[in-house]
Amino acid sequence: MATRQYKPARYKSFILPVLTLACLGYFVVNGIYGKSGVAALKEAQAKEARLQQELDNIVKKREIVENRVILLGNGSLEKDMLDERARYLANMIHPDDVVILRPR
């Protein structure tokens, strides 16, 4: 009876570790640079800070406008505000007025 003797292939013992490392590498790279990774988190935090600053600016502008509306409403019309607004809309000034131009 003849027996077959063969030398086991070396590459068979490396298949499982190589596949495991490839899968692990895939998840690590996606965890860092992927759609929900660390880099995306930092970008989202930077965008949140920018938007919060923009919101703060808009809230300040709104408070200023609301304050002006309060001064113009409820029958308690401020004469200085009315005079200022009328001159601004008519693009006219009094000869004795001092005009200070501010850059926008």
N, C-alpha and C. Protein backbone atom coordinates (compact mmCIF):
# COMPACT_ATOMS: atom_id res chain seq x y z
N MET A 1 0.82 -1.16 0.00
CA MET A 1 0.00 0.00 0.00
C MET A 1 0.88 1.25 0.00
N ALA A 2 0.57 2.10 -0.88
CA ALA A 2 1.39 3.31 -1.04
C ALA A 2 0.76 4.45 -0.23
N THR A 3 1.56 5.17 0.42
CA THR A 3 1.09 6.35 1.17
C THR A 3 1.62 7.61 0.50
N ARG A 4 0.82 8.56 0.54
CA ARG A 4 1.23 9.81 -0.09
C ARG A 4 1.78 10.71 1.01
N GLN A 5 2.97 11.12 0.85
CA GLN A 5 3.57 12.04 1.81
C GLN A 5 3.69 13.39 1.13
N TYR A 6 3.22 14.39 1.81
CA TYR A 6 3.32 15.72 1.23
C TYR A 6 3.75 16.70 2.30
N LYS A 7 4.30 17.75 1.85
CA LYS A 7 4.76 18.81 2.74
C LYS A 7 3.63 19.82 2.84
N PRO A 8 3.17 20.15 4.04
CA PRO A 8 2.06 21.11 4.15
C PRO A 8 2.49 22.48 3.62
N ALA A 9 1.56 23.12 2.95
CA ALA A 9 1.85 24.44 2.38
C ALA A 9 1.94 25.48 3.50
N ARG A 10 2.93 26.37 3.39
CA ARG A 10 3.15 27.36 4.43
C ARG A 10 2.11 28.49 4.35
N TYR A 11 1.65 28.78 3.17
CA TYR A 11 0.74 29.92 3.01
C TYR A 11 -0.62 29.68 3.66
N LYS A 12 -0.99 28.47 3.88
CA LYS A 12 -2.28 28.19 4.49
C LYS A 12 -2.34 28.67 5.94
N SER A 13 -1.23 28.70 6.60
CA SER A 13 -1.22 29.14 8.00
C SER A 13 -1.27 30.67 8.11
N PHE A 14 -1.04 31.38 7.00
CA PHE A 14 -1.06 32.85 7.03
C PHE A 14 -2.37 33.45 6.54
N ILE A 15 -3.25 32.65 6.00
CA ILE A 15 -4.48 33.19 5.42
C ILE A 15 -5.36 33.85 6.48
N LEU A 16 -5.63 33.18 7.57
CA LEU A 16 -6.50 33.74 8.60
C LEU A 16 -5.92 35.01 9.25
N PRO A 17 -4.64 35.04 9.63
CA PRO A 17 -4.11 36.29 10.21
C PRO A 17 -4.11 37.46 9.22
N VAL A 18 -3.83 37.19 7.96
CA VAL A 18 -3.81 38.26 6.96
C VAL A 18 -5.22 38.80 6.75
N LEU A 19 -6.22 37.94 6.66
CA LEU A 19 -7.60 38.40 6.51
C LEU A 19 -8.06 39.17 7.75
N THR A 20 -7.64 38.71 8.92
CA THR A 20 -8.00 39.41 10.16
C THR A 20 -7.38 40.80 10.19
N LEU A 21 -6.12 40.93 9.82
CA LEU A 21 -5.45 42.23 9.79
C LEU A 21 -6.08 43.16 8.74
N ALA A 22 -6.47 42.58 7.61
CA ALA A 22 -7.10 43.40 6.57
C ALA A 22 -8.43 43.96 7.06
N CYS A 23 -9.23 43.12 7.69
CA CYS A 23 -10.52 43.59 8.23
C CYS A 23 -10.30 44.62 9.33
N LEU A 24 -9.36 44.37 10.22
CA LEU A 24 -9.06 45.30 11.29
C LEU A 24 -8.58 46.64 10.72
N GLY A 25 -7.72 46.59 9.73
CA GLY A 25 -7.23 47.81 9.09
C GLY A 25 -8.36 48.59 8.43
N TYR A 26 -9.28 47.90 7.80
CA TYR A 26 -10.43 48.55 7.17
C TYR A 26 -11.25 49.32 8.20
N PHE A 27 -11.53 48.70 9.34
CA PHE A 27 -12.35 49.36 10.35
C PHE A 27 -11.60 50.50 11.04
N VAL A 28 -10.29 50.36 11.21
CA VAL A 28 -9.50 51.43 11.82
C VAL A 28 -9.47 52.65 10.91
N VAL A 29 -9.22 52.44 9.62
CA VAL A 29 -9.18 53.55 8.67
C VAL A 29 -10.53 54.24 8.59
N ASN A 30 -11.62 53.47 8.54
CA ASN A 30 -12.95 54.08 8.51
C ASN A 30 -13.28 54.77 9.83
N GLY A 31 -12.76 54.27 10.92
CA GLY A 31 -12.99 54.91 12.21
C GLY A 31 -12.30 56.25 12.33
N ILE A 32 -11.22 56.43 11.60
CA ILE A 32 -10.48 57.70 11.65
C ILE A 32 -10.94 58.64 10.55
N TYR A 33 -10.97 58.18 9.31
CA TYR A 33 -11.23 59.05 8.17
C TYR A 33 -12.61 58.87 7.55
N GLY A 34 -13.41 57.99 8.07
CA GLY A 34 -14.71 57.70 7.47
C GLY A 34 -15.74 58.78 7.70
N LYS A 35 -16.94 58.51 7.24
CA LYS A 35 -18.06 59.45 7.32
C LYS A 35 -18.41 59.80 8.77
N SER A 36 -18.24 58.89 9.68
CA SER A 36 -18.53 59.12 11.09
C SER A 36 -17.28 59.01 11.95
N GLY A 37 -16.12 59.22 11.37
CA GLY A 37 -14.88 59.03 12.08
C GLY A 37 -14.44 60.25 12.88
N VAL A 38 -13.23 60.18 13.38
CA VAL A 38 -12.66 61.23 14.22
C VAL A 38 -12.49 62.52 13.42
N ALA A 39 -12.02 62.43 12.18
CA ALA A 39 -11.82 63.62 11.35
C ALA A 39 -13.16 64.31 11.08
N ALA A 40 -14.19 63.54 10.82
CA ALA A 40 -15.52 64.12 10.57
C ALA A 40 -16.06 64.77 11.84
N LEU A 41 -15.76 64.20 12.99
CA LEU A 41 -16.20 64.78 14.27
C LEU A 41 -15.56 66.15 14.48
N LYS A 42 -14.26 66.26 14.20
CA LYS A 42 -13.57 67.55 14.35
C LYS A 42 -14.14 68.59 13.39
N GLU A 43 -14.42 68.18 12.15
CA GLU A 43 -15.03 69.11 11.19
C GLU A 43 -16.41 69.56 11.67
N ALA A 44 -17.17 68.64 12.21
CA ALA A 44 -18.51 68.97 12.70
C ALA A 44 -18.42 69.93 13.89
N GLN A 45 -17.45 69.74 14.76
CA GLN A 45 -17.29 70.65 15.90
C GLN A 45 -16.87 72.04 15.45
N ALA A 46 -16.00 72.12 14.44
CA ALA A 46 -15.59 73.42 13.91
C ALA A 46 -16.78 74.13 13.26
N LYS A 47 -17.59 73.38 12.52
CA LYS A 47 -18.77 73.96 11.89
C LYS A 47 -19.77 74.42 12.95
N GLU A 48 -19.91 73.65 14.02
CA GLU A 48 -20.81 74.03 15.10
C GLU A 48 -20.36 75.34 15.74
N ALA A 49 -19.06 75.51 15.94
CA ALA A 49 -18.55 76.75 16.53
C ALA A 49 -18.81 77.94 15.61
N ARG A 50 -18.61 77.75 14.29
CA ARG A 50 -18.88 78.83 13.32
C ARG A 50 -20.35 79.20 13.34
N LEU A 51 -21.21 78.22 13.33
CA LEU A 51 -22.65 78.48 13.31
C LEU A 51 -23.12 79.11 14.61
N GLN A 52 -22.51 78.73 15.73
CA GLN A 52 -22.87 79.35 17.01
C GLN A 52 -22.49 80.82 17.02
N GLN A 53 -21.31 81.15 16.47
CA GLN A 53 -20.89 82.55 16.38
C GLN A 53 -21.85 83.34 15.49
N GLU A 54 -22.25 82.73 14.38
CA GLU A 54 -23.19 83.39 13.47
C GLU A 54 -24.55 83.60 14.16
N LEU A 55 -24.99 82.62 14.92
CA LEU A 55 -26.24 82.74 15.66
C LEU A 55 -26.16 83.87 16.69
N ASP A 56 -25.05 83.96 17.39
CA ASP A 56 -24.87 85.03 18.38
C ASP A 56 -24.96 86.41 17.72
N ASN A 57 -24.33 86.54 16.54
CA ASN A 57 -24.40 87.82 15.81
C ASN A 57 -25.83 88.15 15.40
N ILE A 58 -26.55 87.16 14.93
CA ILE A 58 -27.93 87.38 14.50
C ILE A 58 -28.82 87.75 15.68
N VAL A 59 -28.58 87.10 16.82
CA VAL A 59 -29.37 87.41 18.03
C VAL A 59 -29.12 88.84 18.47
N LYS A 60 -27.86 89.29 18.41
CA LYS A 60 -27.55 90.67 18.78
C LYS A 60 -28.26 91.66 17.85
N LYS A 61 -28.21 91.37 16.55
CA LYS A 61 -28.88 92.26 15.59
C LYS A 61 -30.39 92.29 15.86
N ARG A 62 -30.95 91.14 16.17
CA ARG A 62 -32.39 91.08 16.44
C ARG A 62 -32.74 91.89 17.69
N GLU A 63 -31.93 91.79 18.72
CA GLU A 63 -32.18 92.55 19.94
C GLU A 63 -32.15 94.05 19.66
N ILE A 64 -31.23 94.48 18.81
CA ILE A 64 -31.16 95.90 18.45
C ILE A 64 -32.42 96.33 17.72
N VAL A 65 -32.85 95.52 16.77
CA VAL A 65 -34.06 95.85 16.01
C VAL A 65 -35.28 95.83 16.92
N GLU A 66 -35.38 94.84 17.80
CA GLU A 66 -36.52 94.79 18.73
C GLU A 66 -36.55 96.01 19.64
N ASN A 67 -35.38 96.44 20.08
CA ASN A 67 -35.31 97.62 20.92
C ASN A 67 -35.79 98.87 20.17
N ARG A 68 -35.42 98.97 18.90
CA ARG A 68 -35.87 100.11 18.09
C ARG A 68 -37.39 100.06 17.87
N VAL A 69 -37.91 98.85 17.67
CA VAL A 69 -39.36 98.70 17.48
C VAL A 69 -40.10 99.09 18.75
N ILE A 70 -39.57 98.71 19.89
CA ILE A 70 -40.20 99.09 21.16
C ILE A 70 -40.22 100.60 21.32
N LEU A 71 -39.14 101.27 20.92
CA LEU A 71 -39.09 102.73 21.02
C LEU A 71 -40.08 103.40 20.07
N LEU A 72 -40.38 102.76 18.94
CA LEU A 72 -41.30 103.35 17.97
C LEU A 72 -42.75 102.96 18.22
N GLY A 73 -43.00 101.95 19.01
CA GLY A 73 -44.36 101.44 19.17
C GLY A 73 -45.06 101.95 20.41
N ASN A 74 -46.29 101.50 20.60
CA ASN A 74 -47.10 101.75 21.78
C ASN A 74 -47.42 103.23 22.02
N GLY A 75 -47.47 104.03 21.00
CA GLY A 75 -47.85 105.42 21.17
C GLY A 75 -46.80 106.28 21.84
N SER A 76 -45.75 105.69 22.34
CA SER A 76 -44.70 106.48 22.98
C SER A 76 -43.57 106.70 21.97
N LEU A 77 -43.87 107.42 20.94
CA LEU A 77 -42.93 107.64 19.85
C LEU A 77 -41.84 108.62 20.28
N GLU A 78 -40.64 108.20 20.17
CA GLU A 78 -39.51 109.07 20.51
C GLU A 78 -39.30 110.05 19.35
N LYS A 79 -39.29 111.33 19.65
CA LYS A 79 -39.18 112.35 18.61
C LYS A 79 -37.81 112.33 17.95
N ASP A 80 -36.79 112.02 18.72
CA ASP A 80 -35.45 111.95 18.14
C ASP A 80 -35.35 110.80 17.13
N MET A 81 -35.94 109.66 17.48
CA MET A 81 -35.90 108.52 16.56
C MET A 81 -36.68 108.83 15.29
N LEU A 82 -37.84 109.47 15.44
CA LEU A 82 -38.65 109.82 14.28
C LEU A 82 -37.92 110.81 13.39
N ASP A 83 -37.31 111.80 13.99
CA ASP A 83 -36.57 112.80 13.23
C ASP A 83 -35.39 112.16 12.51
N GLU A 84 -34.67 111.29 13.21
CA GLU A 84 -33.52 110.62 12.61
C GLU A 84 -33.94 109.76 11.42
N ARG A 85 -35.01 109.01 11.59
CA ARG A 85 -35.46 108.11 10.53
C ARG A 85 -35.99 108.90 9.33
N ALA A 86 -36.72 109.98 9.59
CA ALA A 86 -37.25 110.79 8.49
C ALA A 86 -36.12 111.42 7.69
N ARG A 87 -35.12 111.92 8.36
CA ARG A 87 -33.98 112.52 7.66
C ARG A 87 -33.20 111.47 6.88
N TYR A 88 -33.08 110.29 7.45
CA TYR A 88 -32.37 109.21 6.76
C TYR A 88 -33.11 108.81 5.48
N LEU A 89 -34.44 108.66 5.59
CA LEU A 89 -35.22 108.24 4.42
C LEU A 89 -35.29 109.34 3.37
N ALA A 90 -35.35 110.60 3.79
CA ALA A 90 -35.42 111.69 2.83
C ALA A 90 -34.05 112.09 2.31
N ASN A 91 -33.01 111.54 2.91
CA ASN A 91 -31.64 111.84 2.53
C ASN A 91 -31.36 113.34 2.64
N MET A 92 -31.82 113.94 3.73
CA MET A 92 -31.64 115.38 3.96
C MET A 92 -31.11 115.59 5.38
N ILE A 93 -30.37 116.70 5.52
CA ILE A 93 -29.90 117.08 6.85
C ILE A 93 -30.18 118.56 7.05
N HIS A 94 -30.18 118.95 8.28
CA HIS A 94 -30.37 120.35 8.64
C HIS A 94 -29.02 121.05 8.49
N PRO A 95 -29.00 122.34 8.11
CA PRO A 95 -27.71 123.02 7.91
C PRO A 95 -26.85 123.07 9.18
N ASP A 96 -27.45 123.01 10.34
CA ASP A 96 -26.67 123.07 11.58
C ASP A 96 -26.24 121.68 12.08
N ASP A 97 -26.64 120.61 11.40
CA ASP A 97 -26.31 119.27 11.84
C ASP A 97 -24.86 118.93 11.55
N VAL A 98 -24.28 118.15 12.43
CA VAL A 98 -22.95 117.61 12.22
C VAL A 98 -23.12 116.15 11.78
N VAL A 99 -22.56 115.82 10.64
CA VAL A 99 -22.72 114.47 10.09
C VAL A 99 -21.42 113.70 10.27
N ILE A 100 -21.53 112.55 10.88
CA ILE A 100 -20.38 111.65 11.06
C ILE A 100 -20.66 110.42 10.23
N LEU A 101 -19.84 110.23 9.20
CA LEU A 101 -20.02 109.08 8.32
C LEU A 101 -19.25 107.89 8.87
N ARG A 102 -19.95 106.77 8.97
CA ARG A 102 -19.33 105.55 9.44
C ARG A 102 -19.23 104.56 8.29
N PRO A 103 -18.10 103.89 8.15
CA PRO A 103 -18.03 102.85 7.09
C PRO A 103 -18.88 101.66 7.49
N ARG A 104 -19.52 101.05 6.54
CA ARG A 104 -20.40 99.91 6.82
C ARG A 104 -19.62 98.63 6.79
